C-alpha cells in the first residue's frame, strides 16, 4: 500500500473521488490514470458516465516497487479524439469508446 502517513487511506480515496468529479466536469482534453472501481457508483458516474474513451491497461509495476499495482488500472480520456486515444494504445491495451459499436 502507498505510504499514507498519518492521513490514512480514506483521505487518499476522498482525493480520488474529488479528482474524478473534476474529471467529469473537464471541458478540455484530459487523460487520467486511475484504478478501476467499476463496483462503485461514484466511479461509474464520474468516469464511465463521462469519459469519451476508457483504456484498460494490463498490470502496471511502478518504479521502486517489487510488485504490480494491486488493482486494475485504466486511462480515462476526455476530449475530441477518442479514436486517436484508442489507436495510440491499441498494441498494449483495450479501449472502450462509449457508443462505438464496432
Protein backbone atom coordinates (compact mmCIF):
# COMPACT_ATOMS: atom_id res chain seq x y z
CA UNK A 1 0.00 0.00 0.00
CA UNK A 2 1.17 3.55 -0.59
CA UNK A 3 2.67 5.42 2.36
CA UNK A 4 -0.34 7.38 3.62
CA UNK A 5 1.50 8.98 6.54
CA UNK A 6 -0.88 9.93 9.31
CA UNK A 7 -3.74 10.76 6.92
CA UNK A 8 -4.88 7.22 6.20
CA UNK A 9 -6.21 5.60 3.03
CA UNK A 10 -9.66 7.16 3.33
CA UNK A 11 -8.18 10.61 2.80
CA UNK A 12 -6.44 9.36 -0.35
CA UNK A 13 -9.69 7.80 -1.59
CA UNK A 14 -11.51 11.06 -0.92
CA UNK A 15 -8.93 12.80 -3.08
CA UNK A 16 -9.55 10.30 -5.87
CA UNK A 17 -13.29 10.93 -5.66
CA UNK A 18 -12.73 14.70 -5.86
CA UNK A 19 -10.37 14.27 -8.81
CA UNK A 20 -12.87 12.02 -10.61
CA UNK A 21 -15.59 14.62 -10.04
CA UNK A 22 -13.31 17.30 -11.54
CA UNK A 23 -12.57 14.98 -14.48
CA UNK A 24 -16.30 14.63 -15.10
CA UNK A 25 -16.60 18.43 -15.41
CA UNK A 26 -13.49 18.99 -17.56
CA UNK A 27 -14.06 20.84 -20.81
CA UNK A 28 -10.57 20.34 -22.25
CA UNK A 29 -8.57 17.27 -23.28
CA UNK A 30 -7.68 15.24 -20.19
CA UNK A 31 -6.16 11.80 -19.64
CA UNK A 32 -6.37 10.36 -16.13
CA UNK A 33 -4.61 7.24 -14.86
CA UNK A 34 -6.97 5.76 -12.28
CA UNK A 35 -7.68 2.49 -10.52
CA UNK A 36 -10.74 0.75 -11.92
CA UNK A 37 -13.54 0.92 -9.35
CA UNK A 38 -16.39 -0.33 -11.50
CA UNK A 39 -18.12 -1.77 -8.43
CA UNK A 40 -18.59 1.78 -7.07
CA UNK A 41 -21.42 4.03 -8.24
CA UNK A 42 -19.34 7.22 -7.88
CA UNK A 43 -16.65 5.78 -10.21
CA UNK A 44 -19.17 4.61 -12.79
CA UNK A 45 -20.86 8.02 -12.77
CA UNK A 46 -17.67 10.11 -12.79
CA UNK A 47 -15.56 8.01 -15.15
CA UNK A 48 -17.65 5.62 -17.22
CA UNK A 49 -20.51 8.10 -17.40
CA UNK A 50 -18.40 10.99 -18.69
CA UNK A 51 -15.26 9.62 -20.37
CA UNK A 52 -15.02 9.73 -24.15
CA UNK A 53 -12.79 6.63 -24.02
CA UNK A 54 -11.56 4.24 -21.33
CA UNK A 55 -8.37 2.27 -21.95
CA UNK A 56 -7.99 -0.80 -19.74
CA UNK A 57 -4.31 -1.50 -19.07
CA UNK A 58 -2.51 -4.69 -18.16
CA UNK A 59 -0.93 -4.88 -14.72
CA UNK A 60 1.43 -1.96 -14.05
CA UNK A 61 4.59 -2.07 -11.96
CA UNK A 62 5.72 1.35 -10.76
CA UNK A 63 9.39 2.21 -10.35
CA UNK A 64 10.67 1.40 -6.89
CA UNK A 65 8.08 -1.32 -6.19
CA UNK A 66 8.64 -5.07 -6.48
CA UNK A 67 5.05 -5.99 -7.30
CA UNK A 68 2.44 -4.72 -9.73
CA UNK A 69 -0.27 -2.34 -8.59
CA UNK A 70 -2.84 -4.48 -6.72
CA UNK A 71 -5.89 -3.28 -8.66
CA UNK A 72 -6.90 -2.96 -12.30
CA UNK A 73 -5.81 0.33 -13.87
CA UNK A 74 -7.24 2.36 -16.72
CA UNK A 75 -6.67 5.57 -18.61
CA UNK A 76 -9.82 7.66 -18.78
CA UNK A 77 -9.89 10.13 -21.68
CA UNK A 78 -11.98 13.23 -22.23
CA UNK A 79 -11.51 15.07 -25.48
CA UNK A 80 -12.41 15.44 -29.12
CA UNK A 81 -10.47 12.44 -30.49
CA UNK A 82 -11.19 9.20 -28.60
CA UNK A 83 -10.27 7.13 -31.68
CA UNK A 84 -6.75 8.61 -31.54
CA UNK A 85 -6.53 7.52 -27.89
CA UNK A 86 -7.61 4.01 -28.87
CA UNK A 87 -5.06 3.87 -31.71
CA UNK A 88 -2.17 5.05 -29.54
CA UNK A 89 -2.68 2.22 -27.06
CA UNK A 90 -4.01 -0.45 -29.43
CA UNK A 91 -0.90 -2.65 -29.16
CA UNK A 92 -0.88 -2.82 -25.36
CA UNK A 93 -4.43 -2.27 -24.12
CA UNK A 94 -8.13 -2.46 -24.87
CA UNK A 95 -10.01 0.82 -25.29
CA UNK A 96 -13.76 1.22 -24.97
CA UNK A 97 -15.42 4.20 -26.64
CA UNK A 98 -18.98 4.69 -25.37
CA UNK A 99 -21.45 4.48 -28.22
CA UNK A 100 -18.92 2.83 -30.56
CA UNK A 101 -20.41 -0.44 -31.77
CA UNK A 102 -17.53 -1.70 -33.95
